[in-house]
Amino acid sequence: MEILSEEKQEKATEEKHPLSRSAYNFAGVLMIVCGLVWLCSNYNLLSPKLIDTILSWQMLVVAVGAWLLCVRNYISGGIITAFGLLLVLVDYFDIYISFERLILPLLLVVGGIATICIKGTEQK
């Protein structure tokens, strides 16, 4: 009888907290990093270019990908994180990449690979 009641309590706890522990850890680490960047920015410990890179939309793409990795969505999270890191590096080092000639075809290839991988995992 105790085993059944413990299982019911665990299920009720899981229903109340749909996010995993790693998702909460990610949110906490993100808050700590944001606070440290803010402190370093206030005391001019980071270069303005680095601060602009950290507080850019490209870094937001990396954060979304990392979040997906934390909630165990490995394929989407890996692809989005890698793409975001590529965008951050391109922006930081001022590299010119043609969007129409390189990025769009690569997005199509990556999307196709992701579709195949996702479809393959659903059939198992």
Protein backbone atom coordinates (compact mmCIF):
# COMPACT_ATOMS: atom_id res chain seq x y z
CA MET A 1 0.00 0.00 0.00
CA GLU A 2 2.81 2.40 0.81
CA ILE A 3 4.43 1.79 -2.57
CA LEU A 4 1.28 2.77 -4.43
CA SER A 5 0.82 5.93 -2.40
CA GLU A 6 4.48 6.92 -2.97
CA GLU A 7 4.07 6.47 -6.72
CA LYS A 8 0.94 8.63 -6.68
CA GLN A 9 2.79 11.32 -4.73
CA GLU A 10 5.67 11.26 -7.25
CA LYS A 11 3.25 11.60 -10.16
CA ALA A 12 1.47 14.48 -8.45
CA THR A 13 4.81 16.20 -7.83
CA GLU A 14 5.82 15.75 -11.48
CA GLU A 15 2.51 17.22 -12.64
CA LYS A 16 2.97 20.30 -10.44
CA HIS A 17 6.54 20.88 -11.69
CA PRO A 18 6.63 20.08 -15.42
CA LEU A 19 10.18 21.42 -15.86
CA SER A 20 13.11 19.19 -15.01
CA ARG A 21 15.75 20.11 -12.46
CA SER A 22 18.23 20.87 -15.26
CA ALA A 23 15.86 23.53 -16.61
CA TYR A 24 15.87 25.27 -13.24
CA ASN A 25 19.66 24.95 -13.08
CA PHE A 26 19.91 26.53 -16.52
CA ALA A 27 17.73 29.46 -15.47
CA GLY A 28 19.82 29.97 -12.33
CA VAL A 29 23.12 29.86 -14.21
CA LEU A 30 21.73 32.27 -16.81
CA MET A 31 20.76 34.72 -14.05
CA ILE A 32 24.22 34.45 -12.47
CA VAL A 33 25.97 35.05 -15.81
CA CYS A 34 23.74 38.04 -16.59
CA GLY A 35 24.50 39.53 -13.17
CA LEU A 36 28.24 39.02 -13.59
CA VAL A 37 28.22 40.56 -17.06
CA TRP A 38 26.26 43.51 -15.71
CA LEU A 39 28.75 43.99 -12.85
CA CYS A 40 31.73 43.74 -15.20
CA SER A 41 30.05 46.20 -17.54
CA ASN A 42 29.45 48.69 -14.72
CA TYR A 43 33.15 48.60 -13.74
CA ASN A 44 34.47 48.62 -17.35
CA LEU A 45 36.12 45.21 -17.00
CA LEU A 46 34.86 44.02 -20.41
CA SER A 47 35.45 45.65 -23.76
CA PRO A 48 32.43 47.33 -25.35
CA LYS A 49 32.66 44.99 -28.35
CA LEU A 50 32.47 41.93 -26.08
CA ILE A 51 29.50 43.38 -24.19
CA ASP A 52 27.73 44.08 -27.48
CA THR A 53 28.36 40.48 -28.53
CA ILE A 54 27.12 39.03 -25.24
CA LEU A 55 23.98 41.19 -25.31
CA SER A 56 23.09 40.48 -28.95
CA TRP A 57 20.25 38.66 -30.66
CA GLN A 58 22.76 36.02 -31.79
CA MET A 59 23.50 35.17 -28.17
CA LEU A 60 19.76 34.88 -27.58
CA VAL A 61 19.69 32.16 -30.25
CA VAL A 62 22.50 30.37 -28.38
CA ALA A 63 20.56 30.68 -25.10
CA VAL A 64 17.41 29.22 -26.68
CA GLY A 65 19.46 26.31 -28.04
CA ALA A 66 21.07 25.73 -24.65
CA TRP A 67 17.63 25.78 -23.02
CA LEU A 68 16.43 23.12 -25.45
CA LEU A 69 19.48 21.01 -24.61
CA CYS A 70 18.68 21.34 -20.90
CA VAL A 71 15.13 20.13 -21.39
CA ARG A 72 16.53 17.13 -23.28
CA ASN A 73 15.56 18.16 -26.79
CA TYR A 74 19.01 17.25 -28.08
CA ILE A 75 18.56 17.42 -31.84
CA SER A 76 16.83 20.81 -32.01
CA GLY A 77 18.92 22.22 -29.19
CA GLY A 78 22.18 21.13 -30.76
CA ILE A 79 21.30 22.54 -34.14
CA ILE A 80 20.07 25.87 -32.76
CA THR A 81 23.05 26.22 -30.42
CA ALA A 82 25.54 25.47 -33.19
CA PHE A 83 23.81 27.90 -35.55
CA GLY A 84 23.74 30.59 -32.84
CA LEU A 85 27.44 30.10 -32.07
CA LEU A 86 28.22 30.42 -35.78
CA LEU A 87 26.27 33.69 -35.88
CA VAL A 88 28.08 34.98 -32.76
CA LEU A 89 31.51 34.18 -34.22
CA VAL A 90 30.63 35.77 -37.56
CA ASP A 91 29.46 38.93 -35.79
CA TYR A 92 32.38 39.12 -33.34
CA PHE A 93 35.11 38.67 -35.96
CA ASP A 94 33.31 40.80 -38.59
CA ILE A 95 33.27 38.01 -41.17
CA TYR A 96 31.13 38.60 -44.23
CA ILE A 97 29.01 35.62 -45.22
CA SER A 98 26.46 35.89 -47.98
CA PHE A 99 23.07 34.96 -46.59
CA GLU A 100 21.62 33.87 -49.93
CA ARG A 101 24.67 31.98 -51.15
CA LEU A 102 25.66 30.15 -47.95
CA ILE A 103 23.26 30.47 -45.01
CA LEU A 104 19.96 29.61 -46.74
CA PRO A 105 21.30 26.44 -48.42
CA LEU A 106 22.91 25.37 -45.13
CA LEU A 107 19.65 25.95 -43.28
CA LEU A 108 17.90 23.75 -45.81
CA VAL A 109 20.48 20.96 -45.38
CA VAL A 110 20.36 21.18 -41.57
CA GLY A 111 16.56 21.23 -41.62
CA GLY A 112 16.53 18.11 -43.78
CA ILE A 113 18.94 16.30 -41.46
CA ALA A 114 16.86 17.32 -38.43
CA THR A 115 13.68 16.10 -40.13
CA ILE A 116 15.28 12.74 -40.87
CA CYS A 117 16.63 12.40 -37.33
CA ILE A 118 13.34 13.38 -35.70
CA LYS A 119 11.35 11.05 -37.95
CA GLY A 120 13.81 8.25 -37.20
CA THR A 121 13.46 8.64 -33.43
CA GLU A 122 9.65 8.67 -33.57
CA GLN A 123 9.47 5.26 -35.27
CA LYS A 124 11.50 3.50 -32.59
